[in-house]
C-alpha atoms as a PDB file:
ATOM      1  CA  UNK A   1     -29.712   0.006  32.570  1.00  0.00           C
ATOM      2  CA  UNK A   2     -25.862  -0.996  33.090  1.00  0.00           C
ATOM      3  CA  UNK A   3     -23.185   0.916  31.593  1.00  0.00           C
ATOM      4  CA  UNK A   4     -20.447  -0.948  29.831  1.00  0.00           C
ATOM      5  CA  UNK A   5     -18.389   0.033  32.403  1.00  0.00           C
ATOM      6  CA  UNK A   6     -20.433  -1.250  35.331  1.00  0.00           C
ATOM      7  CA  UNK A   7     -20.779  -4.939  33.135  1.00  0.00           C
ATOM      8  CA  UNK A   8     -17.040  -5.068  32.912  1.00  0.00           C
ATOM      9  CA  UNK A   9     -16.512  -3.883  36.472  1.00  0.00           C
ATOM     10  CA  UNK A  10     -19.486  -6.995  37.331  1.00  0.00           C
ATOM     11  CA  UNK A  11     -16.838  -9.588  35.720  1.00  0.00           C
ATOM     12  CA  UNK A  12     -14.590 -12.235  37.313  1.00  0.00           C
ATOM     13  CA  UNK A  13     -11.046 -10.656  37.614  1.00  0.00           C
ATOM     14  CA  UNK A  14      -9.701 -13.037  35.308  1.00  0.00           C
ATOM     15  CA  UNK A  15     -12.151 -12.080  32.390  1.00  0.00           C
ATOM     16  CA  UNK A  16     -11.214  -8.418  33.572  1.00  0.00           C
ATOM     17  CA  UNK A  17      -7.562  -9.017  32.598  1.00  0.00           C
ATOM     18  CA  UNK A  18      -8.101 -11.077  29.396  1.00  0.00           C
ATOM     19  CA  UNK A  19     -10.359  -8.043  28.362  1.00  0.00           C
ATOM     20  CA  UNK A  20      -7.848  -5.754  29.714  1.00  0.00           C
ATOM     21  CA  UNK A  21      -4.652  -7.801  27.854  1.00  0.00           C
ATOM     22  CA  UNK A  22      -6.643  -7.744  24.576  1.00  0.00           C
ATOM     23  CA  UNK A  23      -7.174  -4.024  24.663  1.00  0.00           C
ATOM     24  CA  UNK A  24      -3.794  -3.122  25.276  1.00  0.00           C
ATOM     25  CA  UNK A  25      -2.437  -5.729  22.473  1.00  0.00           C
ATOM     26  CA  UNK A  26      -5.022  -3.969  20.536  1.00  0.00           C
ATOM     27  CA  UNK A  27      -3.543  -0.620  21.093  1.00  0.00           C
ATOM     28  CA  UNK A  28      -0.437  -1.819  20.663  1.00  0.00           C
ATOM     29  CA  UNK A  29      -0.418  -3.138  17.319  1.00  0.00           C
ATOM     30  CA  UNK A  30      -2.412   0.258  16.232  1.00  0.00           C
ATOM     31  CA  UNK A  31       0.861   1.823  17.412  1.00  0.00           C
ATOM     32  CA  UNK A  32       3.198  -0.144  15.462  1.00  0.00           C
ATOM     33  CA  UNK A  33       0.887  -0.211  12.137  1.00  0.00           C
ATOM     34  CA  UNK A  34       1.300   3.274  12.378  1.00  0.00           C
ATOM     35  CA  UNK A  35       4.874   3.481  12.869  1.00  0.00           C
ATOM     36  CA  UNK A  36       5.083   0.879   9.802  1.00  0.00           C
ATOM     37  CA  UNK A  37       2.690   3.211   8.036  1.00  0.00           C
ATOM     38  CA  UNK A  38       4.999   6.449   8.552  1.00  0.00           C
ATOM     39  CA  UNK A  39       8.217   4.588   7.632  1.00  0.00           C
ATOM     40  CA  UNK A  40       6.557   3.252   4.265  1.00  0.00           C
ATOM     41  CA  UNK A  41       5.230   6.546   3.363  1.00  0.00           C
ATOM     42  CA  UNK A  42       8.688   8.427   3.963  1.00  0.00           C
ATOM     43  CA  UNK A  43      10.360   5.386   1.989  1.00  0.00           C
ATOM     44  CA  UNK A  44       8.162   5.806  -0.968  1.00  0.00           C
ATOM     45  CA  UNK A  45       8.976   9.640  -0.757  1.00  0.00           C
ATOM     46  CA  UNK A  46      12.782   8.731  -0.887  1.00  0.00           C
ATOM     47  CA  UNK A  47      11.988   6.088  -3.799  1.00  0.00           C
ATOM     48  CA  UNK A  48      10.137   8.637  -5.622  1.00  0.00           C
ATOM     49  CA  UNK A  49      12.733  10.997  -5.747  1.00  0.00           C
ATOM     50  CA  UNK A  50      15.270   7.920  -6.770  1.00  0.00           C
ATOM     51  CA  UNK A  51      13.288   7.113  -9.584  1.00  0.00           C
ATOM     52  CA  UNK A  52      13.102  10.835 -10.852  1.00  0.00           C
ATOM     53  CA  UNK A  53      17.131  11.198 -10.693  1.00  0.00           C
ATOM     54  CA  UNK A  54      17.835   7.928 -12.505  1.00  0.00           C
ATOM     55  CA  UNK A  55      18.073   8.364 -16.586  1.00  0.00           C
ATOM     56  CA  UNK A  56      16.836   4.636 -16.909  1.00  0.00           C
ATOM     57  CA  UNK A  57      19.621   3.536 -18.674  1.00  0.00           C
ATOM     58  CA  UNK A  58      18.450   0.023 -18.465  1.00  0.00           C
ATOM     59  CA  UNK A  59      14.702   0.377 -19.024  1.00  0.00           C
ATOM     60  CA  UNK A  60      13.293  -2.155 -21.165  1.00  0.00           C
ATOM     61  CA  UNK A  61      10.448  -1.567 -23.516  1.00  0.00           C
ATOM     62  CA  UNK A  62       7.642  -3.737 -24.798  1.00  0.00           C
ATOM     63  CA  UNK A  63       5.045  -2.958 -27.633  1.00  0.00           C
ATOM     64  CA  UNK A  64       1.728  -3.409 -26.242  1.00  0.00           C
ATOM     65  CA  UNK A  65      -1.771  -2.962 -28.138  1.00  0.00           C
ATOM     66  CA  UNK A  66      -5.371  -3.509 -27.404  1.00  0.00           C
ATOM     67  CA  UNK A  67      -6.968  -4.245 -31.209  1.00  0.00           C
ATOM     68  CA  UNK A  68      -9.807  -6.352 -32.508  1.00  0.00           C
ATOM     69  CA  UNK A  69     -12.400  -3.572 -31.767  1.00  0.00           C
ATOM     70  CA  UNK A  70     -15.537  -3.734 -33.614  1.00  0.00           C
ATOM     71  CA  UNK A  71     -14.459  -0.209 -33.893  1.00  0.00           C
ATOM     72  CA  UNK A  72     -10.857  -0.049 -34.913  1.00  0.00           C
ATOM     73  CA  UNK A  73     -10.888   3.999 -34.043  1.00  0.00           C
ATOM     74  CA  UNK A  74     -11.101   2.371 -30.787  1.00  0.00           C
ATOM     75  CA  UNK A  75      -7.931   0.289 -31.238  1.00  0.00           C
ATOM     76  CA  UNK A  76      -4.814   1.495 -29.151  1.00  0.00           C
ATOM     77  CA  UNK A  77      -0.966   1.056 -29.296  1.00  0.00           C
ATOM     78  CA  UNK A  78       1.312   2.024 -26.421  1.00  0.00           C
ATOM     79  CA  UNK A  79       4.798   1.011 -25.307  1.00  0.00           C
ATOM     80  CA  UNK A  80       5.445  -0.495 -21.457  1.00  0.00           C
ATOM     81  CA  UNK A  81       8.402   0.763 -19.815  1.00  0.00           C
ATOM     82  CA  UNK A  82      10.275  -0.780 -16.732  1.00  0.00           C
ATOM     83  CA  UNK A  83      13.598   0.672 -15.629  1.00  0.00           C
ATOM     84  CA  UNK A  84      15.778  -2.226 -14.265  1.00  0.00           C
ATOM     85  CA  UNK A  85      17.545  -0.115 -12.020  1.00  0.00           C
ATOM     86  CA  UNK A  86      15.218   1.830 -10.142  1.00  0.00           C
ATOM     87  CA  UNK A  87      12.007   0.081 -10.353  1.00  0.00           C
ATOM     88  CA  UNK A  88      10.307   2.865 -12.324  1.00  0.00           C
ATOM     89  CA  UNK A  89       7.132   1.433 -14.801  1.00  0.00           C
ATOM     90  CA  UNK A  90       5.945   3.386 -16.864  1.00  0.00           C
ATOM     91  CA  UNK A  91       3.772   3.938 -20.474  1.00  0.00           C
ATOM     92  CA  UNK A  92       4.353   5.686 -23.827  1.00  0.00           C
ATOM     93  CA  UNK A  93       1.802   6.379 -26.088  1.00  0.00           C
ATOM     94  CA  UNK A  94       2.782   4.744 -29.519  1.00  0.00           C
END
């Protein structure tokens, strides 16, 4: 029974080059993806810090509800908040 490596070396040179190029491209994409993910994580931390520092002076508030339930004790009301300055979103019970 032949190993994958033995099968690879039995291929013609053009097919070997195509497979090798594909493998190198896959590795490059993986490296670039990991770099971008790392950058995104850093930026998300920075955004979280910025949102915590913001006083949310321009926050909009929308009254929301989930009513009409068969059991009225299951009805709920809340305020959906969005800060137009920093983009933070949160909910407050009503």
